Amino acid sequence: MKKLSVGLVLAGMLLAAEADAGSLWGAGTASCGRWVTDRRNAPSTALFEFSWVQGYITGLNSGMPSSYTNNGQVGAQLDINAAEVWLDNYCQAHPLDHLADAADQLYTYARSRNE
C-alpha cells in the first residue's frame, strides 16, 4: 500500500508539473496519448488521471443550475468502468487532444443520453 501511495504522489507531482498557466491544472493537461499509455503501462498514474476526470465532471455538475439536478447532470448514473472504456476509445482516436478535451466530450455524450 505504501508503494502505491508513493506512486500516486509522484504521479501527481509529474502531472502537476505539466500544468499550463491557463484554466486547467494537473492531469487534465496530459495528452490523450499519455492516458492510453498510462492505462497500459502505469495503472497508478491512470488512476490519478481518472480521479481528475471524475473531479472535473463533478465541477461541471456543480456549475449547472439547480433545475438540472435530476436530468442534466452526469455522475451517479454513469458507470465508472464504462467511462474508462469510453475515454480509452476517445483517446485512442484523438491522441493529441488533452485529457480535459476527452472529459468534456464524455460529459457532453453522457448528458445527451440523459435528456
Protein backbone atom coordinates (compact mmCIF):
# COMPACT_ATOMS: atom_id res chain seq x y z
CA MET A 1 0.00 0.00 0.00
CA LYS A 2 2.85 2.36 0.83
CA LYS A 3 4.34 1.75 -2.62
CA LEU A 4 1.03 2.69 -4.28
CA SER A 5 0.76 5.87 -2.19
CA VAL A 6 4.27 6.93 -3.13
CA GLY A 7 3.46 6.18 -6.78
CA LEU A 8 0.33 8.33 -6.67
CA VAL A 9 2.20 11.21 -5.07
CA LEU A 10 4.93 11.01 -7.70
CA ALA A 11 2.36 10.78 -10.49
CA GLY A 12 0.59 13.84 -9.10
CA MET A 13 3.82 15.79 -8.97
CA LEU A 14 4.68 14.87 -12.55
CA LEU A 15 1.25 15.75 -13.85
CA ALA A 16 1.10 19.00 -11.89
CA ALA A 17 4.40 19.99 -13.46
CA GLU A 18 2.72 19.78 -16.86
CA ALA A 19 0.01 22.25 -15.93
CA ASP A 20 -0.09 25.36 -18.04
CA ALA A 21 -0.87 28.89 -16.93
CA GLY A 22 -4.41 28.58 -18.31
CA SER A 23 -7.53 27.39 -16.59
CA LEU A 24 -6.52 23.72 -16.32
CA TRP A 25 -4.34 22.15 -13.68
CA GLY A 26 -2.91 18.70 -13.24
CA ALA A 27 -3.92 15.64 -15.17
CA GLY A 28 -6.31 17.48 -17.48
CA THR A 29 -3.34 18.94 -19.32
CA ALA A 30 -1.94 15.48 -20.14
CA SER A 31 -2.46 14.26 -23.69
CA CYS A 32 -4.86 11.50 -24.59
CA GLY A 33 -1.82 9.63 -25.86
CA ARG A 34 -0.45 9.70 -22.34
CA TRP A 35 -3.78 8.37 -20.98
CA VAL A 36 -3.65 5.41 -23.37
CA THR A 37 -0.02 4.67 -22.46
CA ASP A 38 -0.64 5.07 -18.73
CA ARG A 39 -3.67 2.75 -18.84
CA ARG A 40 -1.42 0.12 -20.37
CA ASN A 41 1.85 0.68 -18.50
CA ALA A 42 1.24 2.81 -15.39
CA PRO A 43 -2.10 1.92 -13.76
CA SER A 44 -1.46 4.05 -10.67
CA THR A 45 -0.91 7.12 -12.86
CA ALA A 46 -4.04 6.29 -14.87
CA LEU A 47 -5.96 6.05 -11.57
CA PHE A 48 -4.78 9.55 -10.69
CA GLU A 49 -5.78 10.81 -14.15
CA PHE A 50 -9.22 9.21 -13.91
CA SER A 51 -9.70 10.77 -10.49
CA TRP A 52 -9.05 14.11 -12.16
CA VAL A 53 -11.74 13.32 -14.77
CA GLN A 54 -14.23 12.44 -12.02
CA GLY A 55 -13.47 15.71 -10.22
CA TYR A 56 -13.77 17.66 -13.45
CA ILE A 57 -17.19 16.17 -14.19
CA THR A 58 -18.25 16.89 -10.61
CA GLY A 59 -17.15 20.50 -11.10
CA LEU A 60 -19.15 20.79 -14.31
CA ASN A 61 -22.19 19.42 -12.49
CA SER A 62 -21.69 21.90 -9.66
CA GLY A 63 -21.79 24.78 -12.11
CA MET A 64 -25.15 23.77 -13.53
CA PRO A 65 -28.35 25.46 -12.40
CA SER A 66 -30.22 23.59 -9.68
CA SER A 67 -33.06 22.91 -12.14
CA TYR A 68 -30.74 20.39 -13.84
CA THR A 69 -30.22 18.33 -10.70
CA ASN A 70 -32.07 15.23 -11.85
CA ASN A 71 -31.80 15.11 -15.62
CA GLY A 72 -28.97 17.31 -16.83
CA GLN A 73 -26.13 16.29 -14.55
CA VAL A 74 -23.76 13.42 -15.12
CA GLY A 75 -22.35 11.20 -12.46
CA ALA A 76 -24.26 8.68 -10.41
CA GLN A 77 -25.83 7.05 -13.45
CA LEU A 78 -22.50 6.92 -15.34
CA ASP A 79 -20.84 3.56 -14.82
CA ILE A 80 -17.17 4.05 -13.88
CA ASN A 81 -15.93 1.13 -15.96
CA ALA A 82 -17.91 2.32 -18.97
CA ALA A 83 -16.48 5.82 -18.57
CA GLU A 84 -12.93 4.46 -18.55
CA VAL A 85 -13.60 2.44 -21.71
CA TRP A 86 -15.21 5.48 -23.33
CA LEU A 87 -12.09 7.53 -22.52
CA ASP A 88 -9.87 4.74 -23.88
CA ASN A 89 -11.75 4.75 -27.17
CA TYR A 90 -11.83 8.53 -27.46
CA CYS A 91 -8.17 8.93 -26.59
CA GLN A 92 -7.04 6.19 -28.97
CA ALA A 93 -8.84 8.06 -31.76
CA HIS A 94 -7.60 11.51 -30.61
CA PRO A 95 -4.14 11.04 -29.04
CA LEU A 96 -3.15 14.69 -29.42
CA ASP A 97 -6.17 16.03 -27.52
CA HIS A 98 -5.85 16.85 -23.84
CA LEU A 99 -7.48 14.62 -21.25
CA ALA A 100 -9.70 17.61 -20.43
CA ASP A 101 -10.99 17.57 -24.03
CA ALA A 102 -11.85 13.89 -23.62
CA ALA A 103 -13.60 14.64 -20.31
CA ASP A 104 -15.62 17.40 -21.99
CA GLN A 105 -16.69 15.02 -24.75
CA LEU A 106 -17.58 12.31 -22.23
CA TYR A 107 -19.66 14.81 -20.26
CA THR A 108 -21.46 16.02 -23.39
CA TYR A 109 -22.14 12.46 -24.52
CA ALA A 110 -23.40 11.36 -21.10
CA ARG A 111 -25.66 14.42 -20.80
CA SER A 112 -27.16 13.78 -24.22
CA ARG A 113 -28.13 10.28 -23.05
CA ASN A 114 -29.90 11.77 -20.00
CA GLU A 115 -32.06 14.23 -21.89
